[in-house]
Amino acid sequence: MESSTTSFIVESLTRAIVDHRLQPGTKLAEQKLADHFGVSRTLVRQALFQLTQNRLIKLEPARGAFVAAPTVEEARQVFAVRRMLEAEMTRAFIRQITPAKVRALRDHIAQEKAAVDKEDAAGRVELLGDFHVRIAELMGNEVLAQMLRDLVSRSSLISLMYQRDGAARHSQEEHVEIVKAMAAKDEERAVRLMTEHLEHVEESLSFDRHVPTHDISLALS
């Protein structure tokens, strides 16, 4: 029962952030959340801790929990690093590609499409990011996979909060084309598509959006 309650709090807060109803920087007061959900502060604390794992919120000593607020410069730096890293990853992946690895990626993009079609915002962002990590995992390079998990986590937060409508579907379609180029062992095309894809994701971010409220109760209602 407790775990399901915690999951509900996590989902509610995630949805409020994804739907742009909670601003970056909003303080998430434990007691206010406990009152809103009718639960103990212990359960709220568990939910907030879970949300720190994907960087949706940050916990500050003696200050509490806040909706994370990545800066424009941080976003630019994250995507610059990803373009450098993933271009070479794409080359290396194609040189060791097998039919089984192609099938694994195609299975993954099928899951992406299902999440996009269902308009599952949190699910689609997670799957779209995991596509990149999956490539590293299929290469058997755990160091690379871990580096990408961290970068993708930061990218996913940025995308959740700042990506314009429609961009997720476009990203999924680009993943399909990348896998086609990989399956054909067309290294130059695959690298170009991967680089352009990351550029398009960055271009889809809108940092000037207006979010109307810092009021937690109003945002969660």
C-alpha atoms as a PDB file:
ATOM      1  CA  MET A   1       0.000   0.000   0.000  1.00  0.00           C
ATOM      2  CA  GLU A   2       2.771   2.422   0.960  1.00  0.00           C
ATOM      3  CA  SER A   3       4.688   1.745  -2.246  1.00  0.00           C
ATOM      4  CA  SER A   4       1.598   2.356  -4.382  1.00  0.00           C
ATOM      5  CA  THR A   5       0.943   5.620  -2.523  1.00  0.00           C
ATOM      6  CA  THR A   6       4.531   6.702  -3.073  1.00  0.00           C
ATOM      7  CA  SER A   7       4.237   5.819  -6.760  1.00  0.00           C
ATOM      8  CA  PHE A   8       1.061   7.907  -7.019  1.00  0.00           C
ATOM      9  CA  ILE A   9       2.843  10.924  -5.501  1.00  0.00           C
ATOM     10  CA  VAL A  10       5.795  10.444  -7.871  1.00  0.00           C
ATOM     11  CA  GLU A  11       3.455  10.189 -10.864  1.00  0.00           C
ATOM     12  CA  SER A  12       1.421  13.236  -9.804  1.00  0.00           C
ATOM     13  CA  LEU A  13       4.495  15.424  -9.345  1.00  0.00           C
ATOM     14  CA  THR A  14       6.062  14.134 -12.556  1.00  0.00           C
ATOM     15  CA  ARG A  15       2.879  14.931 -14.468  1.00  0.00           C
ATOM     16  CA  ALA A  16       2.708  18.434 -12.988  1.00  0.00           C
ATOM     17  CA  ILE A  17       6.293  19.084 -14.113  1.00  0.00           C
ATOM     18  CA  VAL A  18       5.823  17.472 -17.540  1.00  0.00           C
ATOM     19  CA  ASP A  19       2.633  19.447 -18.144  1.00  0.00           C
ATOM     20  CA  HIS A  20       4.445  22.655 -17.163  1.00  0.00           C
ATOM     21  CA  ARG A  21       2.199  23.269 -14.148  1.00  0.00           C
ATOM     22  CA  LEU A  22       5.153  23.475 -11.738  1.00  0.00           C
ATOM     23  CA  GLN A  23       7.902  25.958 -12.496  1.00  0.00           C
ATOM     24  CA  PRO A  24      11.605  25.203 -12.274  1.00  0.00           C
ATOM     25  CA  GLY A  25      12.707  26.395  -8.874  1.00  0.00           C
ATOM     26  CA  THR A  26       9.367  25.745  -7.143  1.00  0.00           C
ATOM     27  CA  LYS A  27       9.881  24.677  -3.527  1.00  0.00           C
ATOM     28  CA  LEU A  28       8.204  21.352  -2.750  1.00  0.00           C
ATOM     29  CA  ALA A  29       7.402  21.683   0.948  1.00  0.00           C
ATOM     30  CA  GLU A  30       7.019  18.264   2.580  1.00  0.00           C
ATOM     31  CA  GLN A  31       4.175  19.274   4.881  1.00  0.00           C
ATOM     32  CA  LYS A  32       2.225  20.975   2.100  1.00  0.00           C
ATOM     33  CA  LEU A  33       2.559  17.872  -0.078  1.00  0.00           C
ATOM     34  CA  ALA A  34       1.630  15.602   2.844  1.00  0.00           C
ATOM     35  CA  ASP A  35      -1.519  17.681   3.458  1.00  0.00           C
ATOM     36  CA  HIS A  36      -2.405  17.678  -0.245  1.00  0.00           C
ATOM     37  CA  PHE A  37      -2.096  13.901  -0.616  1.00  0.00           C
ATOM     38  CA  GLY A  38      -3.345  13.069   2.883  1.00  0.00           C
ATOM     39  CA  VAL A  39      -0.249  11.025   3.752  1.00  0.00           C
ATOM     40  CA  SER A  40       2.690  11.165   6.154  1.00  0.00           C
ATOM     41  CA  ARG A  41       5.771  13.251   5.493  1.00  0.00           C
ATOM     42  CA  THR A  42       7.731   9.982   5.426  1.00  0.00           C
ATOM     43  CA  LEU A  43       5.908   8.868   2.267  1.00  0.00           C
ATOM     44  CA  VAL A  44       6.391  12.300   0.725  1.00  0.00           C
ATOM     45  CA  ARG A  45      10.095  12.124   1.531  1.00  0.00           C
ATOM     46  CA  GLN A  46      10.333   8.713  -0.191  1.00  0.00           C
ATOM     47  CA  ALA A  47       8.636  10.111  -3.292  1.00  0.00           C
ATOM     48  CA  LEU A  48      10.918  13.154  -3.390  1.00  0.00           C
ATOM     49  CA  PHE A  49      13.968  10.921  -3.093  1.00  0.00           C
ATOM     50  CA  GLN A  50      12.775   8.867  -6.088  1.00  0.00           C
ATOM     51  CA  LEU A  51      12.361  12.053  -8.108  1.00  0.00           C
ATOM     52  CA  THR A  52      15.970  13.031  -7.408  1.00  0.00           C
ATOM     53  CA  GLN A  53      17.099   9.863  -9.209  1.00  0.00           C
ATOM     54  CA  ASN A  54      16.033  11.197 -12.603  1.00  0.00           C
ATOM     55  CA  ARG A  55      16.985  14.775 -11.711  1.00  0.00           C
ATOM     56  CA  LEU A  56      13.446  16.107 -11.865  1.00  0.00           C
ATOM     57  CA  ILE A  57      13.994  17.688  -8.477  1.00  0.00           C
ATOM     58  CA  LYS A  58      16.990  18.588  -6.350  1.00  0.00           C
ATOM     59  CA  LEU A  59      17.359  18.301  -2.592  1.00  0.00           C
ATOM     60  CA  GLU A  60      19.291  21.082  -0.888  1.00  0.00           C
ATOM     61  CA  PRO A  61      20.623  20.625   2.668  1.00  0.00           C
ATOM     62  CA  ALA A  62      18.654  22.671   5.209  1.00  0.00           C
ATOM     63  CA  ARG A  63      16.501  24.151   2.419  1.00  0.00           C
ATOM     64  CA  GLY A  64      14.438  21.244   1.134  1.00  0.00           C
ATOM     65  CA  ALA A  65      13.284  20.013  -2.275  1.00  0.00           C
ATOM     66  CA  PHE A  66      12.923  22.123  -5.403  1.00  0.00           C
ATOM     67  CA  VAL A  67      11.867  21.458  -8.991  1.00  0.00           C
ATOM     68  CA  ALA A  68      15.178  21.307 -10.856  1.00  0.00           C
ATOM     69  CA  ALA A  69      16.013  24.312 -13.022  1.00  0.00           C
ATOM     70  CA  PRO A  70      18.582  23.511 -15.732  1.00  0.00           C
ATOM     71  CA  THR A  71      19.958  26.637 -17.381  1.00  0.00           C
ATOM     72  CA  VAL A  72      20.107  27.316 -21.112  1.00  0.00           C
ATOM     73  CA  GLU A  73      23.897  27.081 -20.975  1.00  0.00           C
ATOM     74  CA  GLU A  74      23.758  23.706 -19.212  1.00  0.00           C
ATOM     75  CA  ALA A  75      21.392  22.416 -21.888  1.00  0.00           C
ATOM     76  CA  ARG A  76      23.698  23.603 -24.677  1.00  0.00           C
ATOM     77  CA  GLN A  77      26.709  21.964 -23.030  1.00  0.00           C
ATOM     78  CA  VAL A  78      24.893  18.672 -22.490  1.00  0.00           C
ATOM     79  CA  PHE A  79      23.914  18.420 -26.154  1.00  0.00           C
ATOM     80  CA  ALA A  80      27.373  19.495 -27.359  1.00  0.00           C
ATOM     81  CA  VAL A  81      28.947  16.643 -25.374  1.00  0.00           C
ATOM     82  CA  ARG A  82      26.344  14.176 -26.620  1.00  0.00           C
ATOM     83  CA  ARG A  83      26.988  15.042 -30.273  1.00  0.00           C
ATOM     84  CA  MET A  84      30.711  14.453 -29.848  1.00  0.00           C
ATOM     85  CA  LEU A  85      30.256  11.202 -27.946  1.00  0.00           C
ATOM     86  CA  GLU A  86      27.416   9.676 -29.944  1.00  0.00           C
ATOM     87  CA  ALA A  87      28.908  10.313 -33.376  1.00  0.00           C
ATOM     88  CA  GLU A  88      31.829   8.059 -32.491  1.00  0.00           C
ATOM     89  CA  MET A  89      29.549   5.598 -30.703  1.00  0.00           C
ATOM     90  CA  THR A  90      27.488   5.256 -33.886  1.00  0.00           C
ATOM     91  CA  ARG A  91      30.628   4.490 -35.932  1.00  0.00           C
ATOM     92  CA  ALA A  92      31.795   1.896 -33.417  1.00  0.00           C
ATOM     93  CA  PHE A  93      28.354   0.279 -33.192  1.00  0.00           C
ATOM     94  CA  ILE A  94      28.080  -0.219 -36.953  1.00  0.00           C
ATOM     95  CA  ARG A  95      31.477  -1.918 -37.065  1.00  0.00           C
ATOM     96  CA  GLN A  96      30.213  -4.611 -34.675  1.00  0.00           C
ATOM     97  CA  ILE A  97      26.553  -4.710 -35.700  1.00  0.00           C
ATOM     98  CA  THR A  98      24.681  -8.024 -35.896  1.00  0.00           C
ATOM     99  CA  PRO A  99      21.097  -8.946 -36.878  1.00  0.00           C
ATOM    100  CA  ALA A 100      20.310  -9.562 -33.191  1.00  0.00           C
ATOM    101  CA  LYS A 101      21.420  -6.036 -32.270  1.00  0.00           C
ATOM    102  CA  VAL A 102      19.307  -4.573 -35.060  1.00  0.00           C
ATOM    103  CA  ARG A 103      16.289  -6.536 -33.789  1.00  0.00           C
ATOM    104  CA  ALA A 104      16.880  -5.256 -30.265  1.00  0.00           C
ATOM    105  CA  LEU A 105      16.876  -1.642 -31.465  1.00  0.00           C
ATOM    106  CA  ARG A 106      13.785  -2.200 -33.608  1.00  0.00           C
ATOM    107  CA  ASP A 107      11.982  -3.687 -30.608  1.00  0.00           C
ATOM    108  CA  HIS A 108      12.921  -0.603 -28.625  1.00  0.00           C
ATOM    109  CA  ILE A 109      11.666   1.894 -31.221  1.00  0.00           C
ATOM    110  CA  ALA A 110       8.388  -0.053 -31.403  1.00  0.00           C
ATOM    111  CA  GLN A 111       7.963   0.603 -27.660  1.00  0.00           C
ATOM    112  CA  GLU A 112       8.774   4.278 -28.261  1.00  0.00           C
ATOM    113  CA  LYS A 113       6.071   4.545 -30.909  1.00  0.00           C
ATOM    114  CA  ALA A 114       3.505   2.943 -28.608  1.00  0.00           C
ATOM    115  CA  ALA A 115       4.304   5.478 -25.855  1.00  0.00           C
ATOM    116  CA  VAL A 116       4.140   8.395 -28.298  1.00  0.00           C
ATOM    117  CA  ASP A 117       0.809   7.169 -29.709  1.00  0.00           C
ATOM    118  CA  LYS A 118      -0.621   6.854 -26.182  1.00  0.00           C
ATOM    119  CA  GLU A 119       0.636  10.373 -25.370  1.00  0.00           C
ATOM    120  CA  ASP A 120       2.461   8.914 -22.372  1.00  0.00           C
ATOM    121  CA  ALA A 121       4.725  11.926 -21.804  1.00  0.00           C
ATOM    122  CA  ALA A 122       6.908  10.526 -19.031  1.00  0.00           C
ATOM    123  CA  GLY A 123       7.134   7.089 -20.673  1.00  0.00           C
ATOM    124  CA  ARG A 124       8.029   8.403 -24.097  1.00  0.00           C
ATOM    125  CA  VAL A 125      10.782  10.688 -22.779  1.00  0.00           C
ATOM    126  CA  GLU A 126      12.281   7.771 -20.851  1.00  0.00           C
ATOM    127  CA  LEU A 127      12.169   5.439 -23.873  1.00  0.00           C
ATOM    128  CA  LEU A 128      13.466   8.065 -26.310  1.00  0.00           C
ATOM    129  CA  GLY A 129      16.432   8.668 -24.027  1.00  0.00           C
ATOM    130  CA  ASP A 130      17.025   4.971 -23.390  1.00  0.00           C
ATOM    131  CA  PHE A 131      17.417   4.383 -27.143  1.00  0.00           C
ATOM    132  CA  HIS A 132      20.836   6.014 -26.961  1.00  0.00           C
ATOM    133  CA  VAL A 133      21.854   4.100 -23.842  1.00  0.00           C
ATOM    134  CA  ARG A 134      20.640   0.866 -25.450  1.00  0.00           C
ATOM    135  CA  ILE A 135      23.151   1.264 -28.276  1.00  0.00           C
ATOM    136  CA  ALA A 136      26.012   1.451 -25.774  1.00  0.00           C
ATOM    137  CA  GLU A 137      24.638  -1.538 -23.848  1.00  0.00           C
ATOM    138  CA  LEU A 138      24.430  -3.612 -27.039  1.00  0.00           C
ATOM    139  CA  MET A 139      28.091  -2.796 -27.648  1.00  0.00           C
ATOM    140  CA  GLY A 140      28.898  -4.264 -24.243  1.00  0.00           C
ATOM    141  CA  ASN A 141      30.583  -1.023 -23.144  1.00  0.00           C
ATOM    142  CA  GLU A 142      29.311  -0.399 -19.624  1.00  0.00           C
ATOM    143  CA  VAL A 143      31.531   2.668 -19.083  1.00  0.00           C
ATOM    144  CA  LEU A 144      30.025   4.337 -22.151  1.00  0.00           C
ATOM    145  CA  ALA A 145      26.524   3.229 -21.154  1.00  0.00           C
ATOM    146  CA  GLN A 146      26.917   4.777 -17.692  1.00  0.00           C
ATOM    147  CA  MET A 147      28.204   8.053 -19.142  1.00  0.00           C
ATOM    148  CA  LEU A 148      25.236   8.161 -21.492  1.00  0.00           C
ATOM    149  CA  ARG A 149      22.778   7.335 -18.715  1.00  0.00           C
ATOM    150  CA  ASP A 150      23.935  10.448 -16.880  1.00  0.00           C
ATOM    151  CA  LEU A 151      23.854  12.651 -19.979  1.00  0.00           C
ATOM    152  CA  VAL A 152      20.492  11.277 -21.105  1.00  0.00           C
ATOM    153  CA  SER A 153      19.037  11.773 -17.628  1.00  0.00           C
ATOM    154  CA  ARG A 154      19.991  15.434 -17.802  1.00  0.00           C
ATOM    155  CA  SER A 155      18.702  15.698 -21.372  1.00  0.00           C
ATOM    156  CA  SER A 156      15.409  14.041 -20.457  1.00  0.00           C
ATOM    157  CA  LEU A 157      14.786  16.525 -17.654  1.00  0.00           C
ATOM    158  CA  ILE A 158      15.519  19.380 -20.033  1.00  0.00           C
ATOM    159  CA  SER A 159      13.226  17.863 -22.674  1.00  0.00           C
ATOM    160  CA  LEU A 160      10.434  17.154 -20.173  1.00  0.00           C
ATOM    161  CA  MET A 161      10.445  20.769 -19.084  1.00  0.00           C
ATOM    162  CA  TYR A 162      11.238  22.650 -22.273  1.00  0.00           C
ATOM    163  CA  GLN A 163      10.445  20.546 -25.348  1.00  0.00           C
ATOM    164  CA  ARG A 164       7.744  21.929 -27.612  1.00  0.00           C
ATOM    165  CA  ASP A 165       4.705  19.826 -28.522  1.00  0.00           C
ATOM    166  CA  GLY A 166       5.220  17.417 -31.414  1.00  0.00           C
ATOM    167  CA  ALA A 167       8.980  17.137 -30.951  1.00  0.00           C
ATOM    168  CA  ALA A 168       8.757  13.690 -29.309  1.00  0.00           C
ATOM    169  CA  ARG A 169       7.034  12.135 -32.337  1.00  0.00           C
ATOM    170  CA  HIS A 170       9.641  13.669 -34.625  1.00  0.00           C
ATOM    171  CA  SER A 171      12.434  12.223 -32.449  1.00  0.00           C
ATOM    172  CA  GLN A 172      10.891   8.765 -32.613  1.00  0.00           C
ATOM    173  CA  GLU A 173      10.686   8.939 -36.419  1.00  0.00           C
ATOM    174  CA  GLU A 174      14.349   9.970 -36.568  1.00  0.00           C
ATOM    175  CA  HIS A 175      15.296   6.954 -34.443  1.00  0.00           C
ATOM    176  CA  VAL A 176      13.634   4.744 -37.065  1.00  0.00           C
ATOM    177  CA  GLU A 177      15.788   6.278 -39.823  1.00  0.00           C
ATOM    178  CA  ILE A 178      18.968   5.953 -37.741  1.00  0.00           C
ATOM    179  CA  VAL A 179      18.338   2.234 -37.217  1.00  0.00           C
ATOM    180  CA  LYS A 180      17.671   1.770 -40.947  1.00  0.00           C
ATOM    181  CA  ALA A 181      21.055   3.332 -41.753  1.00  0.00           C
ATOM    182  CA  MET A 182      22.751   1.205 -39.097  1.00  0.00           C
ATOM    183  CA  ALA A 183      21.135  -1.979 -40.429  1.00  0.00           C
ATOM    184  CA  ALA A 184      22.400  -1.086 -43.917  1.00  0.00           C
ATOM    185  CA  LYS A 185      25.874  -0.494 -42.407  1.00  0.00           C
ATOM    186  CA  ASP A 186      25.852   2.978 -43.951  1.00  0.00           C
ATOM    187  CA  GLU A 187      28.240   4.536 -41.468  1.00  0.00           C
ATOM    188  CA  GLU A 188      28.361   8.068 -42.849  1.00  0.00           C
ATOM    189  CA  ARG A 189      24.588   8.350 -43.168  1.00  0.00           C
ATOM    190  CA  ALA A 190      24.011   6.927 -39.689  1.00  0.00           C
ATOM    191  CA  VAL A 191      26.503   9.361 -38.118  1.00  0.00           C
ATOM    192  CA  ARG A 192      24.955  12.280 -39.997  1.00  0.00           C
ATOM    193  CA  LEU A 193      21.434  11.271 -38.943  1.00  0.00           C
ATOM    194  CA  MET A 194      22.480  10.850 -35.299  1.00  0.00           C
ATOM    195  CA  THR A 195      24.169  14.277 -35.254  1.00  0.00           C
ATOM    196  CA  GLU A 196      21.214  15.953 -36.950  1.00  0.00           C
ATOM    197  CA  HIS A 197      18.824  14.185 -34.573  1.00  0.00           C
ATOM    198  CA  LEU A 198      20.575  15.594 -31.494  1.00  0.00           C
ATOM    199  CA  GLU A 199      20.662  19.037 -33.127  1.00  0.00           C
ATOM    200  CA  HIS A 200      16.915  18.811 -33.779  1.00  0.00           C
ATOM    201  CA  VAL A 201      16.209  17.832 -30.158  1.00  0.00           C
ATOM    202  CA  GLU A 202      18.185  20.851 -28.959  1.00  0.00           C
ATOM    203  CA  GLU A 203      16.428  23.132 -31.460  1.00  0.00           C
ATOM    204  CA  SER A 204      13.038  21.899 -30.193  1.00  0.00           C
ATOM    205  CA  LEU A 205      13.663  23.345 -26.729  1.00  0.00           C
ATOM    206  CA  SER A 206      11.785  26.468 -25.757  1.00  0.00           C
ATOM    207  CA  PHE A 207      13.258  28.298 -22.774  1.00  0.00           C
ATOM    208  CA  ASP A 208      10.940  31.307 -22.890  1.00  0.00           C
ATOM    209  CA  ARG A 209       7.730  29.504 -21.948  1.00  0.00           C
ATOM    210  CA  HIS A 210       5.549  30.983 -19.214  1.00  0.00           C
ATOM    211  CA  VAL A 211       4.448  28.686 -16.406  1.00  0.00           C
ATOM    212  CA  PRO A 212       1.596  30.165 -14.390  1.00  0.00           C
ATOM    213  CA  THR A 213       1.972  29.012 -10.805  1.00  0.00           C
ATOM    214  CA  HIS A 214       4.253  28.213  -7.891  1.00  0.00           C
ATOM    215  CA  ASP A 215       1.198  27.041  -5.932  1.00  0.00           C
ATOM    216  CA  ILE A 216       1.548  23.291  -5.372  1.00  0.00           C
ATOM    217  CA  SER A 217      -2.136  22.646  -4.619  1.00  0.00           C
ATOM    218  CA  LEU A 218      -3.249  24.511  -7.755  1.00  0.00           C
ATOM    219  CA  ALA A 219      -0.633  22.802  -9.909  1.00  0.00           C
ATOM    220  CA  LEU A 220      -1.635  19.316  -8.703  1.00  0.00           C
ATOM    221  CA  SER A 221      -5.386  19.876  -8.903  1.00  0.00           C
END
